[in-house]
Amino acid sequence: MMQKDSKIYVAGHRGMVGSAIIRELKRQGYTNIITRTHHELDLCRQDQVERFFAEEKPEYVFLAAAKVGGIIANSSALADFMYDNMILEMNVIHSAWKNGCKKLEFLGSSCIYPRLAPQPMKESCLLTSELEQTNEAYALAKISGLKYCEYLNRQYGTDYISVMPTNLYGPNDNYHPEHSHVVPALIRRFHEAKEQGLQEVTCWGDGSPLREFLYVDDLANLCVFLMNNYSGNETVNAGTGKELTIKELTELVAKVVGYEGKILWDTTRPNGTPRKLLDVSKSRALGWSYSTELDEGLRLSYEDFLNNPMRAER
């Protein structure tokens, strides 16, 4: 159990997930939070990471740093996604162990599960069949990170846990036109279409894939909850247990943004995994559930986009 003055390091504090964890820790009264910018600490540099942990000796670590992106980014930079994510996570986890970190929480992604896993996906379906090809490199890196946590627990008796979120969205998201995920990409696209008076917007695929979405501040609340209430080798799914089609999501985002034009679909573009719904019975059994419904979360996300115009340049 973390104390209010425990030394807590949040890796990736400038990203969407890391910044949400910082907000949640502060909301709950934690006062000794350590952060470093990429300029101050390059997590892909083993020497820098080892020096940081040797000097700071954090008691608890939230590993939210990662190289992330949507279908385009994952498909075009396979090697980069595998290398950067594997290097940074191994550096942080290994240095945490070497320097006596009491507990570490590794943040992964639901893309670790097989492409055609039984739905909803239980934590136990990991590595039971092949992955989705469009994000295989990223998934393999994340699987390696969670397995390293498990192996340290089994070999050295550490208390390292992992959390696998579903599709996330919310404040401080990445709205880059090529490197963003579906929700921020749609927010930007419909906002710009509205501003430019465009009569139609074309989206990828046919809109049929089913997806689940979790507001990032709900994830952060779960992350702190699990750090204080869960220990175990098996990962914990983080989601809502609810799903909708990409077409339904697209229409909902357009409504929130206020775009009233026509939505077209480019069926020559990939859909990705047909369905991806997490089984969240484990987190519910532990006593946690989400609180932000999708329409409210999208409204808050669009407000964040409007209030922070520089984010659209990332």
Protein backbone atom coordinates (compact mmCIF):
# COMPACT_ATOMS: atom_id res chain seq x y z
CA MET A 1 0.00 0.00 0.00
CA MET A 2 1.45 3.35 -1.05
CA GLN A 3 1.76 6.01 1.64
CA LYS A 4 0.87 9.60 0.82
CA ASP A 5 4.56 10.54 0.98
CA SER A 6 5.88 7.42 -0.81
CA LYS A 7 8.37 8.18 -3.56
CA ILE A 8 6.45 7.51 -6.80
CA TYR A 9 7.93 7.68 -10.29
CA VAL A 10 5.56 8.08 -13.25
CA ALA A 11 7.34 7.23 -16.50
CA GLY A 12 5.70 8.95 -19.46
CA HIS A 13 4.08 11.73 -17.42
CA ARG A 14 3.61 13.99 -20.46
CA GLY A 15 1.55 11.43 -22.37
CA MET A 16 -2.18 10.92 -22.11
CA VAL A 17 -1.99 8.01 -19.64
CA GLY A 18 0.92 9.30 -17.59
CA SER A 19 -0.58 12.75 -17.16
CA ALA A 20 -3.88 11.18 -16.07
CA ILE A 21 -2.05 9.09 -13.46
CA ILE A 22 -0.37 12.26 -12.17
CA ARG A 23 -3.79 13.95 -11.88
CA GLU A 24 -5.22 10.97 -10.02
CA LEU A 25 -2.28 10.68 -7.62
CA LYS A 26 -2.53 14.37 -6.76
CA ARG A 27 -6.30 14.11 -6.40
CA GLN A 28 -5.81 11.34 -3.85
CA GLY A 29 -3.24 13.35 -1.91
CA TYR A 30 0.08 11.76 -2.93
CA THR A 31 2.81 14.35 -2.52
CA ASN A 32 6.16 12.81 -3.52
CA ILE A 33 5.79 12.28 -7.29
CA ILE A 34 8.91 12.11 -9.48
CA THR A 35 8.90 12.88 -13.19
CA ARG A 36 11.48 13.40 -15.91
CA THR A 37 11.07 14.79 -19.42
CA HIS A 38 12.53 12.94 -22.40
CA HIS A 39 15.24 15.62 -22.57
CA GLU A 40 16.15 14.95 -18.94
CA LEU A 41 15.95 11.15 -19.17
CA ASP A 42 15.93 9.09 -22.39
CA LEU A 43 14.35 5.79 -21.35
CA CYS A 44 15.89 4.09 -24.39
CA ARG A 45 19.36 4.80 -22.98
CA GLN A 46 20.26 2.10 -20.47
CA ASP A 47 23.04 4.12 -18.85
CA GLN A 48 20.72 7.07 -18.19
CA VAL A 49 17.96 4.89 -16.75
CA GLU A 50 20.36 3.02 -14.47
CA ARG A 51 21.81 6.30 -13.20
CA PHE A 52 18.36 7.75 -12.55
CA PHE A 53 17.18 4.75 -10.51
CA ALA A 54 20.44 4.52 -8.58
CA GLU A 55 20.16 8.19 -7.59
CA GLU A 56 16.40 8.51 -6.99
CA LYS A 57 15.48 5.03 -5.67
CA PRO A 58 11.72 5.35 -6.31
CA GLU A 59 9.58 3.07 -4.15
CA TYR A 60 6.75 2.74 -6.66
CA VAL A 61 6.79 3.00 -10.46
CA PHE A 62 3.97 3.50 -12.94
CA LEU A 63 5.40 2.57 -16.35
CA ALA A 64 3.15 4.49 -18.75
CA ALA A 65 5.86 5.54 -21.23
CA ALA A 66 5.53 4.04 -24.70
CA LYS A 67 5.81 4.74 -28.41
CA VAL A 68 2.19 4.63 -29.57
CA GLY A 69 0.15 5.27 -32.72
CA GLY A 70 -2.73 4.16 -34.89
CA ILE A 71 -2.91 1.76 -37.85
CA ILE A 72 -0.82 3.95 -40.18
CA ALA A 73 1.97 4.50 -37.68
CA ASN A 74 2.07 0.86 -36.57
CA SER A 75 2.07 -0.48 -40.12
CA SER A 76 4.74 1.86 -41.46
CA ALA A 77 7.20 1.73 -38.55
CA LEU A 78 7.13 -1.87 -37.37
CA ALA A 79 10.79 -2.02 -36.38
CA ASP A 80 10.65 1.31 -34.54
CA PHE A 81 7.60 0.30 -32.53
CA MET A 82 9.18 -2.98 -31.47
CA TYR A 83 12.65 -1.62 -30.67
CA ASP A 84 11.68 1.57 -28.83
CA ASN A 85 9.03 -0.09 -26.69
CA MET A 86 11.08 -3.16 -25.80
CA ILE A 87 14.18 -1.15 -24.97
CA LEU A 88 12.49 1.46 -22.78
CA GLU A 89 10.32 -1.01 -20.85
CA MET A 90 13.18 -3.43 -20.21
CA ASN A 91 15.43 -0.59 -19.07
CA VAL A 92 12.87 0.71 -16.58
CA ILE A 93 11.69 -2.65 -15.22
CA HIS A 94 15.22 -4.01 -14.86
CA SER A 95 16.55 -0.89 -13.15
CA ALA A 96 13.55 -0.81 -10.81
CA TRP A 97 14.32 -4.37 -9.77
CA LYS A 98 18.05 -3.71 -9.35
CA ASN A 99 17.34 -0.74 -7.09
CA GLY A 100 14.78 -2.33 -4.78
CA CYS A 101 11.56 -0.82 -6.10
CA LYS A 102 8.72 -2.04 -3.85
CA LYS A 103 6.17 -2.30 -6.63
CA LEU A 104 5.95 -1.57 -10.35
CA GLU A 105 2.88 -1.34 -12.55
CA PHE A 106 3.32 -1.93 -16.28
CA LEU A 107 0.80 -0.43 -18.71
CA GLY A 108 0.15 -2.48 -21.81
CA SER A 109 -2.62 -2.60 -24.40
CA SER A 110 -5.49 -4.89 -25.36
CA CYS A 111 -3.75 -5.49 -28.70
CA ILE A 112 -1.66 -8.12 -26.87
CA TYR A 113 -4.58 -10.51 -27.26
CA PRO A 114 -5.09 -12.74 -30.34
CA ARG A 115 -6.81 -11.27 -33.37
CA LEU A 116 -9.64 -13.80 -33.21
CA ALA A 117 -9.74 -14.36 -29.44
CA PRO A 118 -13.08 -15.45 -27.94
CA GLN A 119 -15.11 -12.37 -27.01
CA PRO A 120 -15.09 -10.80 -24.51
CA MET A 121 -11.36 -11.44 -24.07
CA LYS A 122 -10.24 -12.86 -20.76
CA GLU A 123 -6.73 -12.30 -19.42
CA SER A 124 -6.12 -16.04 -19.85
CA CYS A 125 -6.42 -15.90 -23.66
CA LEU A 126 -2.97 -14.32 -23.98
CA LEU A 127 -0.70 -16.18 -26.46
CA THR A 128 -3.38 -18.69 -27.48
CA SER A 129 -3.33 -17.78 -31.20
CA GLU A 130 -1.93 -15.29 -33.73
CA LEU A 131 -1.93 -11.51 -33.25
CA GLU A 132 -3.45 -8.78 -35.43
CA GLN A 133 -0.83 -8.11 -38.14
CA THR A 134 -1.32 -4.33 -38.27
CA ASN A 135 0.01 -3.87 -34.71
CA GLU A 136 1.93 -7.10 -34.16
CA ALA A 137 5.26 -5.37 -33.44
CA TYR A 138 3.77 -3.18 -30.72
CA ALA A 139 1.88 -6.12 -29.23
CA LEU A 140 4.99 -8.30 -29.08
CA ALA A 141 6.86 -5.55 -27.26
CA LYS A 142 4.06 -5.17 -24.72
CA ILE A 143 3.81 -8.93 -24.21
CA SER A 144 7.55 -8.99 -23.50
CA GLY A 145 7.16 -6.29 -20.87
CA LEU A 146 4.35 -7.98 -18.99
CA LYS A 147 6.11 -11.34 -19.18
CA TYR A 148 9.32 -9.84 -17.80
CA CYS A 149 7.32 -8.54 -14.83
CA GLU A 150 5.88 -12.02 -14.34
CA TYR A 151 9.27 -13.70 -14.60
CA LEU A 152 10.83 -11.32 -12.06
CA ASN A 153 7.99 -12.14 -9.67
CA ARG A 154 8.51 -15.86 -10.16
CA GLN A 155 12.30 -15.82 -9.99
CA TYR A 156 13.00 -13.05 -7.47
CA GLY A 157 9.76 -12.58 -5.55
CA THR A 158 9.07 -9.04 -6.76
CA ASP A 159 5.59 -7.49 -6.68
CA TYR A 160 5.27 -6.25 -10.27
CA ILE A 161 1.86 -6.11 -11.92
CA SER A 162 0.51 -5.27 -15.36
CA VAL A 163 -2.67 -3.60 -16.62
CA MET A 164 -4.05 -4.00 -20.14
CA PRO A 165 -6.32 -1.11 -21.13
CA THR A 166 -8.81 -1.16 -23.96
CA ASN A 167 -8.87 1.74 -26.45
CA LEU A 168 -8.23 4.95 -24.51
CA TYR A 169 -9.20 8.55 -25.12
CA GLY A 170 -9.34 11.79 -23.17
CA PRO A 171 -7.34 14.88 -22.14
CA ASN A 172 -3.81 15.25 -23.51
CA ASP A 173 -4.43 12.84 -26.38
CA ASN A 174 -2.35 12.87 -29.57
CA TYR A 175 -4.20 14.50 -32.49
CA HIS A 176 -1.51 14.06 -35.13
CA PRO A 177 -3.15 13.46 -38.55
CA GLU A 178 -1.15 10.27 -39.20
CA HIS A 179 -0.02 8.97 -35.81
CA SER A 180 -3.17 9.24 -33.70
CA HIS A 181 -5.69 6.65 -32.60
CA VAL A 182 -9.29 6.55 -33.80
CA VAL A 183 -11.02 8.91 -31.33
CA PRO A 184 -8.56 11.84 -31.55
CA ALA A 185 -8.26 11.29 -35.31
CA LEU A 186 -12.03 11.58 -35.71
CA ILE A 187 -12.23 14.62 -33.42
CA ARG A 188 -9.62 16.45 -35.46
CA ARG A 189 -11.07 15.36 -38.81
CA PHE A 190 -14.62 16.43 -38.02
CA HIS A 191 -13.49 19.66 -36.36
CA GLU A 192 -11.46 20.66 -39.42
CA ALA A 193 -14.29 19.61 -41.76
CA LYS A 194 -16.70 21.80 -39.79
CA GLU A 195 -14.28 24.73 -39.81
CA GLN A 196 -13.71 24.39 -43.58
CA GLY A 197 -17.38 23.84 -44.41
CA LEU A 198 -16.75 20.45 -46.04
CA GLN A 199 -19.86 18.61 -47.17
CA GLU A 200 -18.43 15.12 -46.64
CA VAL A 201 -15.75 13.24 -44.69
CA THR A 202 -14.27 9.88 -45.71
CA CYS A 203 -13.28 7.38 -43.02
CA TRP A 204 -11.26 4.17 -43.26
CA GLY A 205 -12.79 0.72 -43.65
CA ASP A 206 -16.50 -0.04 -43.64
CA GLY A 207 -17.32 0.96 -40.08
CA SER A 208 -18.23 -2.56 -38.98
CA PRO A 209 -15.47 -3.40 -36.42
CA LEU A 210 -16.61 -3.41 -32.82
CA ARG A 211 -14.56 -1.49 -30.28
CA GLU A 212 -14.58 -0.62 -26.59
CA PHE A 213 -13.42 2.74 -25.24
CA LEU A 214 -12.29 3.82 -21.77
CA TYR A 215 -11.87 7.42 -20.61
CA VAL A 216 -8.26 7.88 -19.54
CA ASP A 217 -9.04 9.36 -16.12
CA ASP A 218 -11.02 6.20 -15.31
CA LEU A 219 -7.96 4.15 -16.26
CA ALA A 220 -5.79 6.30 -13.99
CA ASN A 221 -8.16 5.68 -11.10
CA LEU A 222 -7.90 1.92 -11.75
CA CYS A 223 -4.10 2.11 -11.94
CA VAL A 224 -3.82 3.67 -8.49
CA PHE A 225 -6.45 1.26 -7.15
CA LEU A 226 -4.50 -1.77 -8.44
CA MET A 227 -1.19 -0.49 -7.11
CA ASN A 228 -2.77 -0.51 -3.66
CA ASN A 229 -5.04 -3.53 -3.94
CA TYR A 230 -3.70 -6.12 -6.38
CA SER A 231 -0.74 -8.47 -6.61
CA GLY A 232 -0.40 -11.30 -9.11
CA ASN A 233 1.36 -12.59 -12.22
CA GLU A 234 -1.67 -12.37 -14.49
CA THR A 235 -2.48 -9.03 -16.05
CA VAL A 236 -5.70 -7.14 -15.29
CA ASN A 237 -7.97 -5.91 -18.08
CA ALA A 238 -9.05 -2.28 -17.96
CA GLY A 239 -12.25 -1.45 -19.80
CA THR A 240 -15.96 -0.79 -19.62
CA GLY A 241 -17.32 -4.11 -20.86
CA LYS A 242 -19.33 -2.17 -23.48
CA GLU A 243 -18.76 -1.96 -27.23
CA LEU A 244 -20.04 -0.18 -30.33
CA THR A 245 -19.22 -0.22 -34.04
CA ILE A 246 -16.72 2.21 -35.52
CA LYS A 247 -19.62 3.58 -37.57
CA GLU A 248 -21.59 4.31 -34.39
CA LEU A 249 -18.52 5.89 -32.80
CA THR A 250 -17.94 8.03 -35.88
CA GLU A 251 -21.49 9.32 -35.85
CA LEU A 252 -21.25 10.05 -32.11
CA VAL A 253 -18.00 12.02 -32.52
CA ALA A 254 -19.50 13.99 -35.42
CA LYS A 255 -22.48 14.86 -33.23
CA VAL A 256 -20.27 15.98 -30.32
CA VAL A 257 -18.12 18.12 -32.64
CA GLY A 258 -21.16 19.53 -34.40
CA TYR A 259 -20.33 18.31 -37.91
CA GLU A 260 -23.49 17.84 -39.99
CA GLY A 261 -22.03 16.74 -43.35
CA LYS A 262 -22.06 13.31 -44.98
CA ILE A 263 -19.85 10.45 -43.74
CA LEU A 264 -18.38 8.17 -46.45
CA TRP A 265 -16.37 4.95 -46.06
CA ASP A 266 -13.26 3.89 -47.99
CA THR A 267 -13.56 0.11 -48.01
CA THR A 268 -10.16 -0.30 -49.69
CA ARG A 269 -8.62 0.67 -46.34
CA PRO A 270 -8.09 -1.91 -43.55
CA ASN A 271 -10.62 -2.44 -40.77
CA GLY A 272 -8.20 -3.96 -38.28
CA THR A 273 -9.37 -6.57 -35.78
CA PRO A 274 -13.09 -7.39 -36.33
CA ARG A 275 -13.98 -7.20 -32.64
CA LYS A 276 -12.05 -6.30 -29.51
CA LEU A 277 -13.95 -6.37 -26.23
CA LEU A 278 -12.29 -7.03 -22.89
CA ASP A 279 -13.70 -9.24 -20.16
CA VAL A 280 -13.59 -6.91 -17.15
CA SER A 281 -14.97 -9.36 -14.58
CA LYS A 282 -11.59 -9.48 -12.83
CA SER A 283 -11.42 -5.75 -12.10
CA ARG A 284 -15.09 -5.79 -11.06
CA ALA A 285 -14.41 -8.65 -8.66
CA LEU A 286 -11.62 -6.59 -7.13
CA GLY A 287 -14.15 -3.82 -6.49
CA TRP A 288 -13.55 -1.37 -9.34
CA SER A 289 -15.72 -0.11 -12.22
CA TYR A 290 -15.55 2.80 -14.66
CA SER A 291 -17.56 6.01 -14.17
CA THR A 292 -17.42 8.03 -17.43
CA GLU A 293 -19.85 7.17 -20.20
CA LEU A 294 -18.67 7.54 -23.80
CA ASP A 295 -20.79 10.54 -24.79
CA GLU A 296 -19.63 12.52 -21.74
CA GLY A 297 -16.01 11.45 -22.25
CA LEU A 298 -16.09 12.56 -25.89
CA ARG A 299 -17.53 15.93 -24.86
CA LEU A 300 -14.70 16.41 -22.35
CA SER A 301 -12.15 15.29 -24.95
CA TYR A 302 -13.40 17.78 -27.52
CA GLU A 303 -13.27 20.56 -24.92
CA ASP A 304 -9.66 19.61 -24.22
CA PHE A 305 -8.88 19.70 -27.96
CA LEU A 306 -10.40 23.17 -28.32
CA ASN A 307 -8.63 24.52 -25.23
CA ASN A 308 -5.22 23.22 -26.31
CA PRO A 309 -4.81 23.99 -30.03
CA MET A 310 -1.08 23.15 -30.05
CA ARG A 311 -1.93 19.49 -29.45
CA ALA A 312 -3.27 19.28 -32.98
CA GLU A 313 0.27 19.90 -34.24
CA ARG A 314 1.74 16.84 -32.53
